[in-house]
């Protein structure tokens, strides 16, 4: 309605202007080639204006004719773009509903509509196509799709991720590593390439190459110094274990010394280094290593080491041996672990009063199931009071769990620390902690675990 009124208003204005011009008095005389033409001034002005209008109209028609192909192309592009996005969303819905066949059809339909768009627009349909191919068991098609993504500079990360994931799932770690190394040469400045390369070198047991990649990643700021030191320490300890297995004790000692310089109080390093020092006859150095670690963080596995460095006369004399272990308490007076260690020695040597004294002190410091089990053992050996022993056992069943070696990725428990957490093969994920603390944080990690490492999710890009 408003548009119609506007057009009528324009028509009225033009009509009135025309009438006004024609009613104006005056003439224009034109003499040319012997001819004299007299024209009304209003008619001349009207003719000039009409001619200008006609020129503008023809100009607009010409511009519209010239730009028509471009406008038509843009219209088709916008239409295809809209249909492509609609097909993509419908493919996601079908995939969520479990209709893999229809999701695959919609993914290819979306790819066809978006084929003229940039690489980033085509990435999602191609990922959908690859995923449906994977679910349908079409491994060859899946690789071809990821290869398209990898060959494009803008989507190379997605392609590399997909190809590597596919190769890892098929157990072809060497080819995955070769692919990552080729990418590192061309895309080495990107952090994800170094991370992926490092993970695959760990998986394929290329320990020396993994060390070099880790140091390079730390220099470039890809990983923090703290994380790099932790991984390097684990690598060196693992290499020392391999050296011990192969009989290369000198090389093992060299690796452990490097790990000890990184962290002199890390218990797995101390547990391996002290026996080698004793083999070399360096008892005082071994004692110093244990004392330093015990002062920083008393650990139950250090107790056996402390026994191994005792003087020759101390293991045979109960009181002398008790005094030897009481040195652990002097090194860390606030430690419940030191009191447990002394109490265990007292129980072994039949020193019931000393054992009870230290266990009760340990209980006051930090109650634990291990303390209650030792108290039950003490009651059974010293007083033979089955009822008292049963009460301690009941308390042990209700007490918080003791610290142990636990994988922070899966929550699996281990008797000893190792650089590789079997059976899933994650690297440097075993820590000394309470198992209950790790339960919630490992639920999601376990679900997404892929071999020794988890490839980044699509949402991270």
Protein backbone atom coordinates (compact mmCIF):
# COMPACT_ATOMS: atom_id res chain seq x y z
CA UNK A 1 0.00 0.00 0.00
CA UNK A 2 2.75 2.45 0.94
CA UNK A 3 4.68 1.56 -2.19
CA UNK A 4 1.59 2.23 -4.39
CA UNK A 5 1.05 5.61 -2.74
CA UNK A 6 4.72 6.46 -3.35
CA UNK A 7 4.45 5.59 -7.06
CA UNK A 8 1.24 7.68 -7.45
CA UNK A 9 2.93 10.60 -5.69
CA UNK A 10 5.86 10.40 -8.08
CA UNK A 11 3.52 10.29 -11.10
CA UNK A 12 1.58 13.33 -9.88
CA UNK A 13 4.79 15.30 -9.31
CA UNK A 14 6.11 14.47 -12.80
CA UNK A 15 2.76 15.39 -14.39
CA UNK A 16 2.55 18.71 -12.58
CA UNK A 17 6.16 19.51 -13.48
CA UNK A 18 5.46 18.75 -17.15
CA UNK A 19 2.34 20.93 -17.22
CA UNK A 20 4.23 23.72 -15.49
CA UNK A 21 7.05 23.60 -18.04
CA UNK A 22 4.64 23.61 -21.01
CA UNK A 23 2.80 26.63 -19.59
CA UNK A 24 5.95 28.70 -19.30
CA UNK A 25 6.11 31.65 -21.77
CA UNK A 26 9.04 32.13 -24.13
CA UNK A 27 10.60 30.56 -27.19
CA UNK A 28 14.00 29.35 -28.33
CA UNK A 29 15.12 30.20 -31.90
CA UNK A 30 17.58 27.84 -33.60
CA UNK A 31 19.23 28.88 -36.92
CA UNK A 32 21.25 26.17 -38.66
CA UNK A 33 22.08 25.55 -42.35
CA UNK A 34 19.72 28.29 -43.52
CA UNK A 35 16.84 27.01 -41.46
CA UNK A 36 15.19 28.82 -38.60
CA UNK A 37 13.37 26.78 -35.96
CA UNK A 38 11.35 28.36 -33.18
CA UNK A 39 10.57 26.02 -30.22
CA UNK A 40 8.65 26.66 -27.02
CA UNK A 41 11.07 26.81 -24.06
CA UNK A 42 9.04 24.41 -21.94
CA UNK A 43 9.07 21.81 -24.67
CA UNK A 44 12.86 22.10 -25.00
CA UNK A 45 13.40 21.61 -21.27
CA UNK A 46 10.98 18.67 -21.22
CA UNK A 47 12.72 17.09 -24.22
CA UNK A 48 16.15 17.43 -22.59
CA UNK A 49 14.91 15.88 -19.35
CA UNK A 50 13.18 13.06 -21.22
CA UNK A 51 16.37 12.39 -23.17
CA UNK A 52 18.36 12.18 -19.93
CA UNK A 53 15.82 9.79 -18.47
CA UNK A 54 16.00 7.65 -21.60
CA UNK A 55 19.81 7.54 -21.43
CA UNK A 56 19.76 6.52 -17.77
CA UNK A 57 17.16 3.83 -18.51
CA UNK A 58 19.22 2.37 -21.34
CA UNK A 59 22.32 2.52 -19.14
CA UNK A 60 20.63 0.57 -16.36
CA UNK A 61 19.32 -1.98 -18.86
CA UNK A 62 22.85 -2.44 -20.21
CA UNK A 63 24.35 -2.79 -16.72
CA UNK A 64 21.68 -5.33 -15.79
CA UNK A 65 22.40 -7.30 -18.98
CA UNK A 66 26.18 -7.28 -18.37
CA UNK A 67 25.95 -8.24 -14.67
CA UNK A 68 23.20 -10.83 -15.10
CA UNK A 69 25.57 -13.86 -15.34
CA UNK A 70 27.40 -12.81 -12.15
CA UNK A 71 24.13 -12.24 -10.29
CA UNK A 72 22.80 -15.60 -11.48
CA UNK A 73 26.01 -17.30 -10.37
CA UNK A 74 25.82 -15.61 -6.96
CA UNK A 75 22.20 -16.63 -6.59
CA UNK A 76 23.00 -20.26 -7.40
CA UNK A 77 25.96 -20.16 -5.00
CA UNK A 78 23.81 -18.84 -2.16
CA UNK A 79 21.12 -21.41 -2.93
CA UNK A 80 23.65 -24.27 -3.01
CA UNK A 81 25.29 -22.96 0.15
CA UNK A 82 21.95 -22.99 1.94
CA UNK A 83 21.07 -26.47 0.68
CA UNK A 84 24.56 -27.72 1.57
CA UNK A 85 24.27 -26.52 5.16
CA UNK A 86 20.79 -27.98 5.45
CA UNK A 87 22.07 -31.34 4.17
CA UNK A 88 24.97 -31.17 6.65
CA UNK A 89 22.66 -30.61 9.59
CA UNK A 90 20.34 -33.39 8.44
CA UNK A 91 23.37 -35.69 8.11
CA UNK A 92 24.31 -34.98 11.74
CA UNK A 93 20.74 -35.76 12.81
CA UNK A 94 20.73 -39.02 10.83
CA UNK A 95 24.11 -39.97 12.28
CA UNK A 96 22.87 -39.30 15.82
CA UNK A 97 19.81 -41.45 15.09
CA UNK A 98 22.02 -44.30 13.89
CA UNK A 99 20.89 -44.12 10.25
CA UNK A 100 24.37 -44.48 8.78
CA UNK A 101 23.23 -45.10 5.21
CA UNK A 102 21.09 -41.96 5.06
CA UNK A 103 23.76 -39.94 6.85
CA UNK A 104 26.27 -41.04 4.20
CA UNK A 105 23.88 -39.97 1.41
CA UNK A 106 23.30 -36.58 3.02
CA UNK A 107 27.04 -36.07 3.59
CA UNK A 108 27.77 -36.61 -0.10
CA UNK A 109 24.78 -34.40 -1.02
CA UNK A 110 26.18 -31.64 1.20
CA UNK A 111 29.60 -32.07 -0.39
CA UNK A 112 28.07 -31.75 -3.87
CA UNK A 113 26.27 -28.52 -2.98
CA UNK A 114 29.36 -27.05 -1.32
CA UNK A 115 31.83 -28.22 -3.96
CA UNK A 116 32.31 -24.67 -5.22
CA UNK A 117 32.99 -23.28 -1.75
CA UNK A 118 36.31 -22.92 0.03
CA UNK A 119 38.14 -25.78 1.69
CA UNK A 120 36.86 -24.85 5.13
CA UNK A 121 33.23 -25.10 3.96
CA UNK A 122 33.86 -28.54 2.47
CA UNK A 123 35.73 -29.82 5.55
CA UNK A 124 32.66 -30.77 7.59
CA UNK A 125 30.90 -32.73 4.79
CA UNK A 126 34.17 -34.53 4.04
CA UNK A 127 34.61 -35.40 7.72
CA UNK A 128 31.05 -36.74 7.76
CA UNK A 129 31.77 -38.79 4.66
CA UNK A 130 34.93 -40.19 6.23
CA UNK A 131 33.12 -41.02 9.47
CA UNK A 132 30.27 -42.83 7.74
CA UNK A 133 32.79 -44.69 5.58
CA UNK A 134 34.55 -45.76 8.74
CA UNK A 135 31.31 -46.95 10.34
CA UNK A 136 30.45 -48.89 7.18
CA UNK A 137 33.89 -50.50 7.05
CA UNK A 138 35.00 -48.76 3.84
CA UNK A 139 38.60 -48.18 4.93
CA UNK A 140 39.84 -47.34 1.42
CA UNK A 141 37.21 -44.62 0.95
CA UNK A 142 37.95 -43.26 4.42
CA UNK A 143 41.66 -42.90 3.61
CA UNK A 144 40.92 -41.22 0.28
CA UNK A 145 38.72 -38.63 1.96
CA UNK A 146 41.30 -37.88 4.64
CA UNK A 147 43.92 -37.64 1.91
CA UNK A 148 41.86 -34.86 0.25
CA UNK A 149 41.76 -32.98 3.53
CA UNK A 150 45.47 -33.52 4.13
CA UNK A 151 46.47 -32.26 0.68
CA UNK A 152 44.68 -28.94 1.28
CA UNK A 153 46.65 -26.41 3.30
CA UNK A 154 43.62 -25.09 5.16
CA UNK A 155 42.39 -28.55 6.27
CA UNK A 156 45.68 -30.43 6.54
CA UNK A 157 45.33 -30.78 10.31
CA UNK A 158 42.01 -32.60 9.98
CA UNK A 159 43.41 -34.80 7.24
CA UNK A 160 46.53 -35.66 9.21
CA UNK A 161 44.45 -36.43 12.28
CA UNK A 162 42.11 -38.71 10.36
CA UNK A 163 44.84 -40.52 8.43
CA UNK A 164 46.88 -41.04 11.58
CA UNK A 165 43.88 -42.27 13.55
CA UNK A 166 43.03 -44.72 10.78
CA UNK A 167 46.61 -46.02 10.60
CA UNK A 168 46.85 -46.36 14.38
CA UNK A 169 43.60 -48.31 14.56
CA UNK A 170 44.94 -50.64 11.89
CA UNK A 171 48.18 -51.06 13.84
CA UNK A 172 50.31 -49.44 11.14
CA UNK A 173 52.26 -47.18 13.50
CA UNK A 174 55.33 -46.95 11.29
CA UNK A 175 53.39 -45.49 8.36
CA UNK A 176 51.65 -43.10 10.75
CA UNK A 177 55.05 -42.00 12.02
CA UNK A 178 56.34 -41.54 8.46
CA UNK A 179 53.32 -39.36 7.68
CA UNK A 180 53.89 -37.27 10.81
CA UNK A 181 57.58 -36.80 9.97
CA UNK A 182 56.73 -35.63 6.44
CA UNK A 183 54.27 -33.16 7.95
CA UNK A 184 56.90 -31.94 10.39
CA UNK A 185 59.15 -30.95 7.50
CA UNK A 186 56.48 -28.76 5.89
CA UNK A 187 54.39 -27.76 8.93
CA UNK A 188 57.01 -28.03 11.66
CA UNK A 189 56.21 -24.62 13.11
CA UNK A 190 52.75 -25.79 14.16
CA UNK A 191 52.51 -27.19 17.66
CA UNK A 192 50.12 -30.04 16.86
CA UNK A 193 52.61 -31.58 14.43
CA UNK A 194 55.33 -31.84 17.07
CA UNK A 195 52.89 -33.24 19.63
CA UNK A 196 51.64 -35.88 17.21
CA UNK A 197 55.17 -36.75 16.11
CA UNK A 198 56.29 -37.13 19.72
CA UNK A 199 53.33 -39.37 20.58
CA UNK A 200 53.99 -41.65 17.62
CA UNK A 201 57.72 -41.87 18.36
CA UNK A 202 56.83 -43.03 21.86
CA UNK A 203 54.36 -45.53 20.44
CA UNK A 204 56.92 -46.95 18.02
CA UNK A 205 59.65 -46.97 20.71
CA UNK A 206 61.88 -44.50 18.89
CA UNK A 207 63.25 -43.31 22.23
CA UNK A 208 66.17 -41.23 20.95
CA UNK A 209 64.00 -39.50 18.34
CA UNK A 210 61.34 -38.91 21.02
CA UNK A 211 63.92 -37.18 23.21
CA UNK A 212 64.98 -34.89 20.37
CA UNK A 213 61.37 -34.05 19.48
CA UNK A 214 60.54 -33.39 23.13
CA UNK A 215 63.46 -30.96 23.48
CA UNK A 216 62.44 -29.22 20.25
CA UNK A 217 58.85 -28.92 21.48
CA UNK A 218 60.06 -27.38 24.75
CA UNK A 219 62.26 -24.83 22.93
CA UNK A 220 59.32 -23.76 20.79
CA UNK A 221 57.01 -23.50 23.77
CA UNK A 222 54.76 -26.32 22.59
CA UNK A 223 55.06 -28.04 26.00
CA UNK A 224 55.92 -26.47 29.33
CA UNK A 225 59.33 -27.00 30.88
CA UNK A 226 57.69 -28.83 33.78
CA UNK A 227 55.96 -31.31 31.46
CA UNK A 228 59.07 -31.69 29.30
CA UNK A 229 61.22 -32.44 32.37
CA UNK A 230 58.68 -34.97 33.60
CA UNK A 231 58.58 -36.78 30.24
CA UNK A 232 62.34 -36.64 29.78
CA UNK A 233 62.82 -38.06 33.27
CA UNK A 234 60.43 -40.92 32.45
CA UNK A 235 62.20 -41.57 29.14
CA UNK A 236 65.59 -41.79 30.82
CA UNK A 237 64.31 -44.17 33.51
CA UNK A 238 62.69 -46.35 30.85
CA UNK A 239 65.95 -46.45 28.90
CA UNK A 240 67.77 -47.46 32.07
CA UNK A 241 65.30 -50.33 32.57
CA UNK A 242 65.96 -51.50 29.02
CA UNK A 243 69.72 -51.25 29.63
CA UNK A 244 69.42 -53.36 32.79
CA UNK A 245 67.46 -56.01 30.90
CA UNK A 246 70.16 -56.12 28.22
CA UNK A 247 72.98 -56.17 30.77
CA UNK A 248 74.27 -52.66 30.02
CA UNK A 249 74.53 -51.51 33.64
CA UNK A 250 76.97 -48.72 32.83
CA UNK A 251 74.56 -47.17 30.33
CA UNK A 252 71.71 -47.65 32.80
CA UNK A 253 73.67 -45.77 35.46
CA UNK A 254 74.37 -42.94 33.00
CA UNK A 255 70.67 -42.57 32.15
CA UNK A 256 69.67 -42.61 35.82
CA UNK A 257 72.21 -39.92 36.70
CA UNK A 258 70.65 -37.67 34.03
CA UNK A 259 67.16 -38.40 35.39
CA UNK A 260 68.40 -37.73 38.95
CA UNK A 261 69.71 -34.31 37.92
CA UNK A 262 66.26 -33.42 36.60
CA UNK A 263 64.48 -34.51 39.81
CA UNK A 264 66.60 -35.85 42.69
CA UNK A 265 63.59 -36.82 44.83
CA UNK A 266 61.59 -38.82 42.27
CA UNK A 267 61.15 -42.22 43.94
CA UNK A 268 61.38 -44.44 40.79
CA UNK A 269 64.76 -42.87 40.02
CA UNK A 270 66.01 -43.38 43.59
CA UNK A 271 64.80 -47.00 43.65
CA UNK A 272 66.92 -47.78 40.59
CA UNK A 273 69.93 -45.61 41.36
CA UNK A 274 70.68 -46.72 44.93
CA UNK A 275 71.36 -50.41 44.06
CA UNK A 276 73.79 -49.30 41.34
CA UNK A 277 75.60 -47.04 43.81
CA UNK A 278 75.87 -49.98 46.22
CA UNK A 279 77.29 -52.15 43.43
CA UNK A 280 79.97 -49.52 42.96
CA UNK A 281 80.70 -49.54 46.71
CA UNK A 282 79.36 -46.01 47.21
CA UNK A 283 77.27 -46.64 50.33
CA UNK A 284 77.50 -43.10 51.67
CA UNK A 285 76.30 -41.68 48.36
CA UNK A 286 73.43 -44.17 48.35
CA UNK A 287 72.43 -43.12 51.89
CA UNK A 288 72.56 -39.46 50.89
CA UNK A 289 70.28 -40.14 47.90
CA UNK A 290 67.72 -41.92 50.11
CA UNK A 291 67.82 -39.25 52.81
CA UNK A 292 67.26 -36.46 50.30
CA UNK A 293 64.23 -38.22 48.81
CA UNK A 294 62.82 -39.11 52.24
CA UNK A 295 63.05 -35.54 53.47
CA UNK A 296 61.12 -34.29 50.43
CA UNK A 297 58.41 -36.96 50.35
CA UNK A 298 58.52 -40.10 52.55
CA UNK A 299 57.55 -43.08 50.43
CA UNK A 300 56.98 -46.68 51.62
CA UNK A 301 59.16 -48.10 48.82
CA UNK A 302 62.16 -46.23 50.21
CA UNK A 303 62.02 -48.27 53.44
CA UNK A 304 63.47 -51.37 51.80
CA UNK A 305 66.27 -49.24 50.38
CA UNK A 306 66.99 -47.87 53.83
CA UNK A 307 67.31 -51.44 55.11
CA UNK A 308 69.72 -52.28 52.26
CA UNK A 309 72.13 -49.48 53.26
CA UNK A 310 72.12 -50.37 56.99
CA UNK A 311 75.49 -51.21 58.59
CA UNK A 312 76.32 -54.89 58.72
CA UNK A 313 75.70 -55.19 62.47
CA UNK A 314 72.32 -53.44 62.48
CA UNK A 315 70.10 -56.06 60.80
CA UNK A 316 70.88 -58.62 63.53
CA UNK A 317 70.37 -56.54 66.70
CA UNK A 318 66.69 -55.60 67.22
CA UNK A 319 67.35 -52.46 69.27
CA UNK A 320 70.16 -51.27 67.02
CA UNK A 321 68.04 -51.93 63.97
CA UNK A 322 65.17 -49.98 65.54
CA UNK A 323 67.45 -47.01 66.14
CA UNK A 324 68.58 -47.19 62.50
CA UNK A 325 65.02 -46.87 61.28
CA UNK A 326 64.26 -44.16 63.81
CA UNK A 327 66.67 -42.02 61.80
CA UNK A 328 63.93 -41.84 59.16
CA UNK A 329 61.74 -40.16 61.75
CA UNK A 330 64.46 -37.62 62.49
CA UNK A 331 64.79 -36.86 58.78
CA UNK A 332 61.05 -36.07 58.57
CA UNK A 333 59.56 -35.61 62.07
CA UNK A 334 56.00 -34.86 60.86
CA UNK A 335 55.74 -37.92 58.66
CA UNK A 336 53.24 -40.69 59.43
CA UNK A 337 55.10 -42.85 56.91
CA UNK A 338 58.26 -42.75 59.03
CA UNK A 339 56.34 -43.93 62.10
CA UNK A 340 54.78 -46.77 60.09
CA UNK A 341 58.25 -47.85 58.90
CA UNK A 342 59.65 -47.89 62.45
CA UNK A 343 56.55 -49.72 63.77
CA UNK A 344 56.87 -52.46 61.13
CA UNK A 345 60.49 -53.07 62.14
CA UNK A 346 59.43 -53.16 65.81
CA UNK A 347 56.71 -55.73 65.01
CA UNK A 348 59.21 -57.89 63.11
CA UNK A 349 61.61 -57.81 66.09
CA UNK A 350 58.93 -58.37 68.73
CA UNK A 351 59.19 -54.90 70.26
CA UNK A 352 55.46 -54.63 70.94
CA UNK A 353 55.52 -51.47 73.07
CA UNK A 354 57.56 -49.47 70.56
CA UNK A 355 55.38 -50.74 67.69
CA UNK A 356 52.15 -49.70 69.43
CA UNK A 357 53.62 -46.29 70.33
CA UNK A 358 54.61 -45.44 66.76
CA UNK A 359 51.42 -46.81 65.21
CA UNK A 360 49.22 -44.74 67.51
CA UNK A 361 51.26 -41.64 66.64
CA UNK A 362 50.90 -42.44 62.94
CA UNK A 363 47.15 -42.84 63.40
CA UNK A 364 46.95 -39.37 64.93
CA UNK A 365 48.97 -37.92 62.04
CA UNK A 366 46.96 -39.52 59.23
CA UNK A 367 44.63 -42.52 59.75
CA UNK A 368 44.80 -45.13 57.02
CA UNK A 369 43.81 -48.71 56.31
CA UNK A 370 47.46 -49.77 56.42
CA UNK A 371 47.90 -48.49 60.00
CA UNK A 372 44.79 -50.31 61.18
CA UNK A 373 45.92 -53.55 59.56
CA UNK A 374 49.29 -53.25 61.34
CA UNK A 375 47.49 -52.63 64.64
CA UNK A 376 45.38 -55.74 64.05
CA UNK A 377 48.56 -57.72 63.35
CA UNK A 378 50.12 -56.31 66.52
CA UNK A 379 47.12 -57.35 68.62
CA UNK A 380 47.22 -60.83 67.16
CA UNK A 381 50.95 -61.27 67.86
CA UNK A 382 51.28 -59.49 71.19
CA UNK A 383 48.01 -59.99 73.10
CA UNK A 384 46.32 -62.71 71.00
CA UNK A 385 43.13 -60.72 71.45
CA UNK A 386 41.00 -61.78 68.51
CA UNK A 387 38.22 -59.32 69.37
CA UNK A 388 40.61 -56.32 69.41
CA UNK A 389 42.22 -57.46 66.17
CA UNK A 390 38.76 -57.80 64.57
CA UNK A 391 37.90 -54.23 65.57
CA UNK A 392 41.04 -52.91 63.90
CA UNK A 393 40.25 -54.90 60.77
CA UNK A 394 36.77 -53.37 60.66
CA UNK A 395 38.29 -49.91 60.98
CA UNK A 396 40.69 -50.76 58.15
CA UNK A 397 37.75 -51.69 55.90
CA UNK A 398 36.12 -48.31 56.56
CA UNK A 399 39.29 -46.22 56.38
CA UNK A 400 40.30 -44.17 53.30
CA UNK A 401 42.39 -46.03 50.73
CA UNK A 402 46.16 -45.64 50.92
CA UNK A 403 48.16 -43.95 48.21
CA UNK A 404 49.30 -46.19 45.39
CA UNK A 405 50.63 -46.07 41.85
CA UNK A 406 47.65 -45.19 39.66
CA UNK A 407 47.28 -44.25 35.98
CA UNK A 408 45.83 -40.76 35.72
CA UNK A 409 44.33 -41.62 32.31
CA UNK A 410 42.47 -44.86 33.09
CA UNK A 411 42.55 -45.13 36.90
CA UNK A 412 44.23 -48.56 36.76
CA UNK A 413 46.28 -49.46 39.85
CA UNK A 414 49.87 -50.73 39.68
CA UNK A 415 52.24 -52.32 42.16
CA UNK A 416 55.23 -50.45 40.75
CA UNK A 417 55.87 -47.35 38.67
CA UNK A 418 56.78 -47.74 35.02
CA UNK A 419 57.08 -45.29 32.16
CA UNK A 420 54.56 -47.25 30.05
CA UNK A 421 51.19 -47.99 31.60
CA UNK A 422 50.06 -51.36 30.32
CA UNK A 423 47.91 -52.68 28.80
CA UNK A 424 46.71 -49.47 27.12
CA UNK A 425 50.29 -48.22 26.64
CA UNK A 426 49.98 -44.59 27.75
CA UNK A 427 53.31 -42.89 28.49
CA UNK A 428 54.25 -41.24 31.79
CA UNK A 429 50.74 -41.37 33.22
CA UNK A 430 51.37 -43.42 36.39
CA UNK A 431 51.49 -41.22 39.49
CA UNK A 432 51.52 -41.71 43.28
CA UNK A 433 48.06 -40.71 44.46
CA UNK A 434 44.89 -41.82 46.18
CA UNK A 435 42.86 -43.99 43.77
CA UNK A 436 39.59 -42.32 44.78
CA UNK A 437 40.96 -38.95 43.67
CA UNK A 438 41.56 -40.25 40.17
CA UNK A 439 38.18 -41.92 39.63
CA UNK A 440 36.11 -39.00 38.36
CA UNK A 441 38.90 -37.42 36.33
CA UNK A 442 39.53 -40.63 34.39
CA UNK A 443 35.97 -41.40 33.26
CA UNK A 444 36.06 -39.29 30.10
CA UNK A 445 39.73 -39.96 29.42
CA UNK A 446 39.15 -43.71 29.38
CA UNK A 447 36.34 -43.36 26.85
CA UNK A 448 38.49 -41.43 24.36
CA UNK A 449 41.75 -43.33 24.83
CA UNK A 450 43.49 -44.41 21.61
CA UNK A 451 46.52 -46.57 22.23
CA UNK A 452 49.34 -44.61 23.85
CA UNK A 453 47.77 -41.24 23.18
CA UNK A 454 44.50 -39.55 22.42
CA UNK A 455 44.24 -37.73 19.12
CA UNK A 456 42.68 -34.25 19.41
CA UNK A 457 38.95 -34.01 19.02
CA UNK A 458 37.29 -32.05 16.23
CA UNK A 459 36.06 -29.48 18.76
CA UNK A 460 39.66 -28.54 19.58
CA UNK A 461 40.40 -27.17 16.09
